[in-house]
PDB file of N, CA and C in Angstrom:
ATOM      1  N   MET A   1       0.661  -1.147   0.040  1.00  0.00           N
ATOM      2  CA  MET A   1       0.078   0.293   0.203  1.00  0.00           C
ATOM      3  C   MET A   1       0.994   1.335   0.111  1.00  0.00           C
ATOM      4  N   LEU A   2       2.279   0.999   0.720  1.00  0.00           N
ATOM      5  CA  LEU A   2       2.895   2.523   0.772  1.00  0.00           C
ATOM      6  C   LEU A   2       3.446   2.464  -0.796  1.00  0.00           C
ATOM      7  N   GLY A   3       3.650   1.665  -1.954  1.00  0.00           N
ATOM      8  CA  GLY A   3       3.628   1.961  -3.179  1.00  0.00           C
ATOM      9  C   GLY A   3       2.790   2.795  -3.687  1.00  0.00           C
ATOM     10  N   GLY A   4       1.456   2.493  -3.532  1.00  0.00           N
ATOM     11  CA  GLY A   4       0.260   3.117  -3.938  1.00  0.00           C
ATOM     12  C   GLY A   4      -0.282   4.543  -3.306  1.00  0.00           C
ATOM     13  N   LEU A   5       0.379   4.638  -2.172  1.00  0.00           N
ATOM     14  CA  LEU A   5       0.600   6.235  -1.747  1.00  0.00           C
ATOM     15  C   LEU A   5       1.655   7.035  -2.140  1.00  0.00           C
ATOM     16  N   GLY A   6       2.709   6.289  -2.317  1.00  0.00           N
ATOM     17  CA  GLY A   6       4.088   6.907  -3.057  1.00  0.00           C
ATOM     18  C   GLY A   6       3.370   7.568  -4.601  1.00  0.00           C
ATOM     19  N   ASP A   7       2.920   6.612  -5.324  1.00  0.00           N
ATOM     20  CA  ASP A   7       2.493   6.919  -6.649  1.00  0.00           C
ATOM     21  C   ASP A   7       1.369   7.939  -6.774  1.00  0.00           C
ATOM     22  N   ILE A   8       0.487   8.053  -5.568  1.00  0.00           N
ATOM     23  CA  ILE A   8      -0.614   9.214  -5.627  1.00  0.00           C
ATOM     24  C   ILE A   8       0.056  10.382  -4.987  1.00  0.00           C
ATOM     25  N   GLN A   9       1.221  10.367  -4.405  1.00  0.00           N
ATOM     26  CA  GLN A   9       1.971  11.740  -4.072  1.00  0.00           C
ATOM     27  C   GLN A   9       2.570  12.234  -5.142  1.00  0.00           C
ATOM     28  N   LYS A  10       3.411  11.285  -5.929  1.00  0.00           N
ATOM     29  CA  LYS A  10       4.144  11.658  -7.404  1.00  0.00           C
ATOM     30  C   LYS A  10       2.855  12.111  -8.035  1.00  0.00           C
ATOM     31  N   LEU A  11       1.685  11.717  -8.665  1.00  0.00           N
ATOM     32  CA  LEU A  11       0.988  12.390  -9.520  1.00  0.00           C
ATOM     33  C   LEU A  11       0.583  13.575  -9.050  1.00  0.00           C
ATOM     34  N   GLN A  12       0.352  13.632  -7.638  1.00  0.00           N
ATOM     35  CA  GLN A  12      -0.162  14.983  -7.466  1.00  0.00           C
ATOM     36  C   GLN A  12       1.181  16.071  -7.346  1.00  0.00           C
ATOM     37  N   GLN A  13       2.173  15.739  -7.319  1.00  0.00           N
ATOM     38  CA  GLN A  13       3.206  16.636  -7.474  1.00  0.00           C
ATOM     39  C   GLN A  13       3.139  17.121  -9.032  1.00  0.00           C
ATOM     40  N   GLN A  14       3.329  16.115  -9.837  1.00  0.00           N
ATOM     41  CA  GLN A  14       3.310  16.653 -11.399  1.00  0.00           C
ATOM     42  C   GLN A  14       2.247  17.295 -11.615  1.00  0.00           C
ATOM     43  N   ALA A  15       0.968  16.720 -11.332  1.00  0.00           N
ATOM     44  CA  ALA A  15      -0.251  17.880 -11.348  1.00  0.00           C
ATOM     45  C   ALA A  15      -0.202  19.335 -10.957  1.00  0.00           C
ATOM     46  N   GLN A  16       0.499  19.381  -9.785  1.00  0.00           N
ATOM     47  CA  GLN A  16       0.851  20.407  -9.440  1.00  0.00           C
ATOM     48  C   GLN A  16       1.682  21.261 -10.410  1.00  0.00           C
ATOM     49  N   LYS A  17       2.562  20.846 -10.626  1.00  0.00           N
ATOM     50  CA  LYS A  17       3.466  21.388 -11.721  1.00  0.00           C
ATOM     51  C   LYS A  17       3.229  21.780 -12.953  1.00  0.00           C
ATOM     52  N   MET A  18       2.320  21.094 -13.357  1.00  0.00           N
ATOM     53  CA  MET A  18       1.525  21.091 -14.336  1.00  0.00           C
ATOM     54  C   MET A  18       0.787  22.358 -14.460  1.00  0.00           C
ATOM     55  N   GLN A  19      -0.028  22.370 -13.617  1.00  0.00           N
ATOM     56  CA  GLN A  19      -1.167  23.419 -13.109  1.00  0.00           C
ATOM     57  C   GLN A  19       0.074  24.724 -13.128  1.00  0.00           C
ATOM     58  N   ALA A  20       1.221  24.565 -12.531  1.00  0.00           N
ATOM     59  CA  ALA A  20       2.033  26.222 -12.405  1.00  0.00           C
ATOM     60  C   ALA A  20       2.366  26.290 -13.668  1.00  0.00           C
ATOM     61  N   ALA A  21       3.048  25.318 -14.547  1.00  0.00           N
ATOM     62  CA  ALA A  21       3.562  26.039 -15.905  1.00  0.00           C
ATOM     63  C   ALA A  21       2.284  26.259 -16.641  1.00  0.00           C
ATOM     64  N   LEU A  22       1.249  25.565 -16.653  1.00  0.00           N
ATOM     65  CA  LEU A  22      -0.024  26.327 -17.339  1.00  0.00           C
ATOM     66  C   LEU A  22      -0.383  27.611 -16.889  1.00  0.00           C
ATOM     67  N   GLN A  23      -0.272  28.064 -16.031  1.00  0.00           N
ATOM     68  CA  GLN A  23      -0.455  29.417 -15.056  1.00  0.00           C
ATOM     69  C   GLN A  23       0.378  30.489 -15.751  1.00  0.00           C
ATOM     70  N   GLN A  24       1.243  29.958 -16.406  1.00  0.00           N
ATOM     71  CA  GLN A  24       2.550  30.956 -16.780  1.00  0.00           C
ATOM     72  C   GLN A  24       2.283  31.115 -18.335  1.00  0.00           C
ATOM     73  N   GLU A  25       1.203  30.339 -18.917  1.00  0.00           N
ATOM     74  CA  GLU A  25       1.093  30.540 -20.538  1.00  0.00           C
ATOM     75  C   GLU A  25      -0.278  31.247 -20.426  1.00  0.00           C
ATOM     76  N   THR A  26      -0.397  31.979 -21.867  1.00  0.00           N
ATOM     77  CA  THR A  26      -1.491  33.037 -21.988  1.00  0.00           C
ATOM     78  C   THR A  26      -1.800  32.674 -23.684  1.00  0.00           C
ATOM     79  N   VAL A  27      -3.358  32.687 -23.634  1.00  0.00           N
ATOM     80  CA  VAL A  27      -3.853  32.684 -25.101  1.00  0.00           C
ATOM     81  C   VAL A  27      -4.738  33.194 -25.482  1.00  0.00           C
ATOM     82  N   VAL A  28      -4.450  34.058 -26.575  1.00  0.00           N
ATOM     83  CA  VAL A  28      -5.397  35.304 -26.879  1.00  0.00           C
ATOM     84  C   VAL A  28      -6.276  34.997 -28.324  1.00  0.00           C
ATOM     85  N   ILE A  29      -7.636  35.158 -28.154  1.00  0.00           N
ATOM     86  CA  ILE A  29      -8.312  34.565 -29.505  1.00  0.00           C
ATOM     87  C   ILE A  29      -9.205  35.696 -29.544  1.00  0.00           C
ATOM     88  N   GLU A  30      -9.262  36.223 -30.848  1.00  0.00           N
ATOM     89  CA  GLU A  30      -9.995  37.017 -31.311  1.00  0.00           C
ATOM     90  C   GLU A  30     -11.050  36.897 -32.550  1.00  0.00           C
ATOM     91  N   LYS A  31     -12.039  36.925 -32.174  1.00  0.00           N
ATOM     92  CA  LYS A  31     -13.424  36.429 -33.372  1.00  0.00           C
ATOM     93  C   LYS A  31     -14.575  37.130 -33.397  1.00  0.00           C
ATOM     94  N   ASN A  32     -15.265  37.693 -34.453  1.00  0.00           N
ATOM     95  CA  ASN A  32     -16.099  38.652 -34.615  1.00  0.00           C
ATOM     96  C   ASN A  32     -16.400  39.600 -33.463  1.00  0.00           C
ATOM     97  N   GLY A  33     -15.253  40.336 -33.354  1.00  0.00           N
ATOM     98  CA  GLY A  33     -15.339  41.484 -32.401  1.00  0.00           C
ATOM     99  C   GLY A  33     -15.095  41.022 -31.091  1.00  0.00           C
ATOM    100  N   VAL A  34     -14.858  40.028 -30.562  1.00  0.00           N
ATOM    101  CA  VAL A  34     -14.574  39.762 -29.417  1.00  0.00           C
ATOM    102  C   VAL A  34     -13.172  38.923 -29.231  1.00  0.00           C
ATOM    103  N   LYS A  35     -12.706  39.221 -28.166  1.00  0.00           N
ATOM    104  CA  LYS A  35     -11.031  39.273 -27.628  1.00  0.00           C
ATOM    105  C   LYS A  35     -11.253  38.308 -26.421  1.00  0.00           C
ATOM    106  N   ILE A  36     -10.786  37.317 -26.387  1.00  0.00           N
ATOM    107  CA  ILE A  36     -10.345  36.610 -24.719  1.00  0.00           C
ATOM    108  C   ILE A  36      -9.084  36.333 -24.500  1.00  0.00           C
ATOM    109  N   THR A  37      -8.706  36.940 -23.571  1.00  0.00           N
ATOM    110  CA  THR A  37      -7.343  36.474 -23.081  1.00  0.00           C
ATOM    111  C   THR A  37      -7.427  35.484 -21.776  1.00  0.00           C
ATOM    112  N   MET A  38      -6.889  34.034 -22.264  1.00  0.00           N
ATOM    113  CA  MET A  38      -7.223  33.366 -21.194  1.00  0.00           C
ATOM    114  C   MET A  38      -5.617  32.690 -21.098  1.00  0.00           C
ATOM    115  N   ARG A  39      -5.657  32.410 -19.380  1.00  0.00           N
ATOM    116  CA  ARG A  39      -4.296  31.522 -19.164  1.00  0.00           C
ATOM    117  C   ARG A  39      -4.318  29.990 -19.244  1.00  0.00           C
ATOM    118  N   GLY A  40      -3.310  29.015 -19.255  1.00  0.00           N
ATOM    119  CA  GLY A  40      -3.441  27.890 -20.001  1.00  0.00           C
ATOM    120  C   GLY A  40      -4.175  27.082 -18.799  1.00  0.00           C
ATOM    121  N   ASP A  41      -4.413  27.530 -17.901  1.00  0.00           N
ATOM    122  CA  ASP A  41      -5.215  26.649 -16.563  1.00  0.00           C
ATOM    123  C   ASP A  41      -6.365  27.039 -16.845  1.00  0.00           C
ATOM    124  N   GLN A  42      -7.414  27.759 -18.017  1.00  0.00           N
ATOM    125  CA  GLN A  42      -8.609  28.141 -18.115  1.00  0.00           C
ATOM    126  C   GLN A  42      -8.982  29.111 -17.482  1.00  0.00           C
ATOM    127  N   GLN A  43      -8.413  30.121 -17.007  1.00  0.00           N
ATOM    128  CA  GLN A  43      -8.952  31.369 -16.211  1.00  0.00           C
ATOM    129  C   GLN A  43      -8.965  32.404 -17.193  1.00  0.00           C
ATOM    130  N   ILE A  44     -10.166  33.044 -17.168  1.00  0.00           N
ATOM    131  CA  ILE A  44      -9.965  33.941 -18.228  1.00  0.00           C
ATOM    132  C   ILE A  44      -9.448  35.358 -17.659  1.00  0.00           C
ATOM    133  N   LEU A  45      -8.637  36.040 -18.212  1.00  0.00           N
ATOM    134  CA  LEU A  45      -8.019  36.816 -17.913  1.00  0.00           C
ATOM    135  C   LEU A  45      -8.688  38.258 -17.953  1.00  0.00           C
ATOM    136  N   GLU A  46      -9.209  38.628 -19.391  1.00  0.00           N
ATOM    137  CA  GLU A  46      -9.919  39.671 -20.257  1.00  0.00           C
ATOM    138  C   GLU A  46     -10.978  39.228 -20.929  1.00  0.00           C
ATOM    139  N   VAL A  47     -11.843  39.946 -21.344  1.00  0.00           N
ATOM    140  CA  VAL A  47     -13.048  39.457 -22.299  1.00  0.00           C
ATOM    141  C   VAL A  47     -12.959  41.038 -22.778  1.00  0.00           C
ATOM    142  N   GLU A  48     -12.691  41.285 -24.166  1.00  0.00           N
ATOM    143  CA  GLU A  48     -13.094  42.337 -24.734  1.00  0.00           C
ATOM    144  C   GLU A  48     -14.093  42.299 -25.801  1.00  0.00           C
ATOM    145  N   ILE A  49     -15.202  43.433 -26.037  1.00  0.00           N
ATOM    146  CA  ILE A  49     -16.430  42.936 -27.023  1.00  0.00           C
ATOM    147  C   ILE A  49     -16.191  44.593 -27.619  1.00  0.00           C
ATOM    148  N   ASP A  50     -16.120  44.575 -28.996  1.00  0.00           N
ATOM    149  CA  ASP A  50     -16.158  45.440 -29.433  1.00  0.00           C
ATOM    150  C   ASP A  50     -15.005  46.691 -29.098  1.00  0.00           C
ATOM    151  N   GLY A  51     -14.032  46.069 -28.617  1.00  0.00           N
ATOM    152  CA  GLY A  51     -13.071  47.230 -28.233  1.00  0.00           C
ATOM    153  C   GLY A  51     -13.273  47.617 -26.463  1.00  0.00           C
ATOM    154  N   ILE A  52     -14.458  47.298 -25.947  1.00  0.00           N
ATOM    155  CA  ILE A  52     -14.825  47.390 -24.756  1.00  0.00           C
ATOM    156  C   ILE A  52     -14.309  46.430 -23.500  1.00  0.00           C
ATOM    157  N   ILE A  53     -13.539  46.431 -22.531  1.00  0.00           N
ATOM    158  CA  ILE A  53     -13.228  45.384 -21.856  1.00  0.00           C
ATOM    159  C   ILE A  53     -14.476  44.827 -20.830  1.00  0.00           C
ATOM    160  N   GLU A  54     -14.829  44.013 -20.672  1.00  0.00           N
ATOM    161  CA  GLU A  54     -16.248  43.313 -20.156  1.00  0.00           C
ATOM    162  C   GLU A  54     -15.562  42.433 -19.279  1.00  0.00           C
ATOM    163  N   ASN A  55     -15.128  42.746 -18.169  1.00  0.00           N
ATOM    164  CA  ASN A  55     -14.491  41.539 -17.299  1.00  0.00           C
ATOM    165  C   ASN A  55     -15.808  41.142 -16.024  1.00  0.00           C
ATOM    166  N   ARG A  56     -16.685  41.625 -16.383  1.00  0.00           N
ATOM    167  CA  ARG A  56     -18.054  40.951 -15.809  1.00  0.00           C
ATOM    168  C   ARG A  56     -18.505  39.696 -16.378  1.00  0.00           C
ATOM    169  N   ILE A  57     -18.035  39.429 -17.626  1.00  0.00           N
ATOM    170  CA  ILE A  57     -18.154  38.450 -18.597  1.00  0.00           C
ATOM    171  C   ILE A  57     -17.243  37.093 -17.986  1.00  0.00           C
ATOM    172  N   ALA A  58     -15.886  37.541 -17.848  1.00  0.00           N
ATOM    173  CA  ALA A  58     -14.938  36.630 -17.519  1.00  0.00           C
ATOM    174  C   ALA A  58     -14.895  36.533 -16.140  1.00  0.00           C
ATOM    175  N   GLU A  59     -15.499  37.213 -15.188  1.00  0.00           N
ATOM    176  CA  GLU A  59     -15.863  36.851 -13.709  1.00  0.00           C
ATOM    177  C   GLU A  59     -16.921  35.815 -13.525  1.00  0.00           C
ATOM    178  N   ALA A  60     -17.660  35.679 -14.337  1.00  0.00           N
ATOM    179  CA  ALA A  60     -19.034  34.822 -14.243  1.00  0.00           C
ATOM    180  C   ALA A  60     -18.348  33.848 -14.927  1.00  0.00           C
ATOM    181  N   VAL A  61     -17.775  33.614 -16.185  1.00  0.00           N
ATOM    182  CA  VAL A  61     -17.339  32.585 -16.568  1.00  0.00           C
ATOM    183  C   VAL A  61     -16.563  31.462 -15.761  1.00  0.00           C
ATOM    184  N   ASN A  62     -15.302  32.223 -15.305  1.00  0.00           N
ATOM    185  CA  ASN A  62     -14.406  31.507 -14.382  1.00  0.00           C
ATOM    186  C   ASN A  62     -14.913  31.053 -13.258  1.00  0.00           C
ATOM    187  N   GLU A  63     -16.331  31.919 -12.705  1.00  0.00           N
ATOM    188  CA  GLU A  63     -16.890  31.071 -11.425  1.00  0.00           C
ATOM    189  C   GLU A  63     -17.730  29.849 -11.986  1.00  0.00           C
ATOM    190  N   SER A  64     -17.939  29.905 -13.126  1.00  0.00           N
ATOM    191  CA  SER A  64     -18.845  28.733 -13.661  1.00  0.00           C
ATOM    192  C   SER A  64     -17.924  27.565 -13.789  1.00  0.00           C
ATOM    193  N   VAL A  65     -16.870  27.867 -14.472  1.00  0.00           N
ATOM    194  CA  VAL A  65     -15.716  26.809 -14.355  1.00  0.00           C
ATOM    195  C   VAL A  65     -15.216  26.492 -13.220  1.00  0.00           C
ATOM    196  N   LYS A  66     -14.962  26.870 -12.339  1.00  0.00           N
ATOM    197  CA  LYS A  66     -14.770  26.649 -10.788  1.00  0.00           C
ATOM    198  C   LYS A  66     -15.451  25.584 -10.164  1.00  0.00           C
ATOM    199  N   LYS A  67     -16.765  26.249 -10.426  1.00  0.00           N
ATOM    200  CA  LYS A  67     -18.185  25.047 -10.006  1.00  0.00           C
ATOM    201  C   LYS A  67     -18.234  23.717 -10.701  1.00  0.00           C
ATOM    202  N   THR A  68     -17.881  23.824 -12.109  1.00  0.00           N
ATOM    203  CA  THR A  68     -17.777  22.486 -12.781  1.00  0.00           C
ATOM    204  C   THR A  68     -16.961  21.849 -12.376  1.00  0.00           C
ATOM    205  N   GLN A  69     -15.551  22.247 -11.972  1.00  0.00           N
ATOM    206  CA  GLN A  69     -14.587  21.540 -11.726  1.00  0.00           C
ATOM    207  C   GLN A  69     -14.481  21.033 -10.214  1.00  0.00           C
ATOM    208  N   GLU A  70     -15.303  22.047  -8.962  1.00  0.00           N
ATOM    209  CA  GLU A  70     -15.805  21.250  -7.995  1.00  0.00           C
ATOM    210  C   GLU A  70     -16.900  20.034  -8.108  1.00  0.00           C
ATOM    211  N   LEU A  71     -17.557  20.107  -8.775  1.00  0.00           N
ATOM    212  CA  LEU A  71     -18.588  19.091  -9.104  1.00  0.00           C
ATOM    213  C   LEU A  71     -18.078  17.952  -9.937  1.00  0.00           C
ATOM    214  N   ALA A  72     -16.847  18.156 -10.545  1.00  0.00           N
ATOM    215  CA  ALA A  72     -16.109  16.915 -11.113  1.00  0.00           C
ATOM    216  C   ALA A  72     -15.383  16.438 -10.320  1.00  0.00           C
ATOM    217  N   ALA A  73     -14.702  16.846  -9.376  1.00  0.00           N
ATOM    218  CA  ALA A  73     -13.907  16.442  -8.404  1.00  0.00           C
ATOM    219  C   ALA A  73     -14.883  15.786  -7.326  1.00  0.00           C
ATOM    220  N   LYS A  74     -15.954  16.379  -7.163  1.00  0.00           N
ATOM    221  CA  LYS A  74     -16.967  15.631  -6.120  1.00  0.00           C
ATOM    222  C   LYS A  74     -17.439  14.234  -6.647  1.00  0.00           C
ATOM    223  N   LYS A  75     -17.803  14.372  -7.948  1.00  0.00           N
ATOM    224  CA  LYS A  75     -18.301  13.129  -8.515  1.00  0.00           C
ATOM    225  C   LYS A  75     -17.163  11.758  -8.610  1.00  0.00           C
ATOM    226  N   LEU A  76     -15.745  12.457  -8.885  1.00  0.00           N
ATOM    227  CA  LEU A  76     -14.689  11.506  -8.712  1.00  0.00           C
ATOM    228  C   LEU A  76     -14.535  10.760  -7.788  1.00  0.00           C
ATOM    229  N   ILE A  77     -14.557  11.522  -6.555  1.00  0.00           N
ATOM    230  CA  ILE A  77     -14.620  10.995  -5.261  1.00  0.00           C
ATOM    231  C   ILE A  77     -15.403   9.931  -5.080  1.00  0.00           C
ATOM    232  N   GLU A  78     -16.783  10.341  -5.370  1.00  0.00           N
ATOM    233  CA  GLU A  78     -17.938   9.437  -5.396  1.00  0.00           C
ATOM    234  C   GLU A  78     -17.780   8.193  -5.825  1.00  0.00           C
ATOM    235  N   ILE A  79     -17.553   8.303  -7.000  1.00  0.00           N
ATOM    236  CA  ILE A  79     -17.479   7.142  -7.795  1.00  0.00           C
ATOM    237  C   ILE A  79     -16.126   6.470  -7.198  1.00  0.00           C
ATOM    238  N   SER A  80     -15.041   6.844  -7.141  1.00  0.00           N
ATOM    239  CA  SER A  80     -13.923   6.304  -6.328  1.00  0.00           C
ATOM    240  C   SER A  80     -14.125   5.570  -5.089  1.00  0.00           C
ATOM    241  N   GLN A  81     -15.026   5.750  -4.356  1.00  0.00           N
ATOM    242  CA  GLN A  81     -15.571   4.962  -3.236  1.00  0.00           C
ATOM    243  C   GLN A  81     -16.418   4.480  -2.955  1.00  0.00           C
ATOM    244  N   GLN A  82     -17.000   4.075  -4.740  1.00  0.00           N
ATOM    245  CA  GLN A  82     -17.867   2.938  -4.542  1.00  0.00           C
ATOM    246  C   GLN A  82     -17.237   1.616  -4.924  1.00  0.00           C
ATOM    247  N   GLY A  83     -16.049   1.900  -5.806  1.00  0.00           N
ATOM    248  CA  GLY A  83     -15.267   0.801  -6.325  1.00  0.00           C
ATOM    249  C   GLY A  83     -14.454   0.327  -5.291  1.00  0.00           C
TER     250      GLY A  83
END
């Protein structure tokens, strides 16, 4: 069982490194008058529509993404406890 725990810790460390690396990356997409600036970890930094910054949209989408990630984590725990 100790090997299993070690493997889990190693996976957690790798996931944390990946998360940190993704936070350093930025993607900018412009389409139909909308410009989105997003980090690699799917955090929206800025939403611009027809030259006007609308960060209320970014905040709402970021909150939605956070909630769905929490839901996914909860479901994963539920499923793992069933088996």
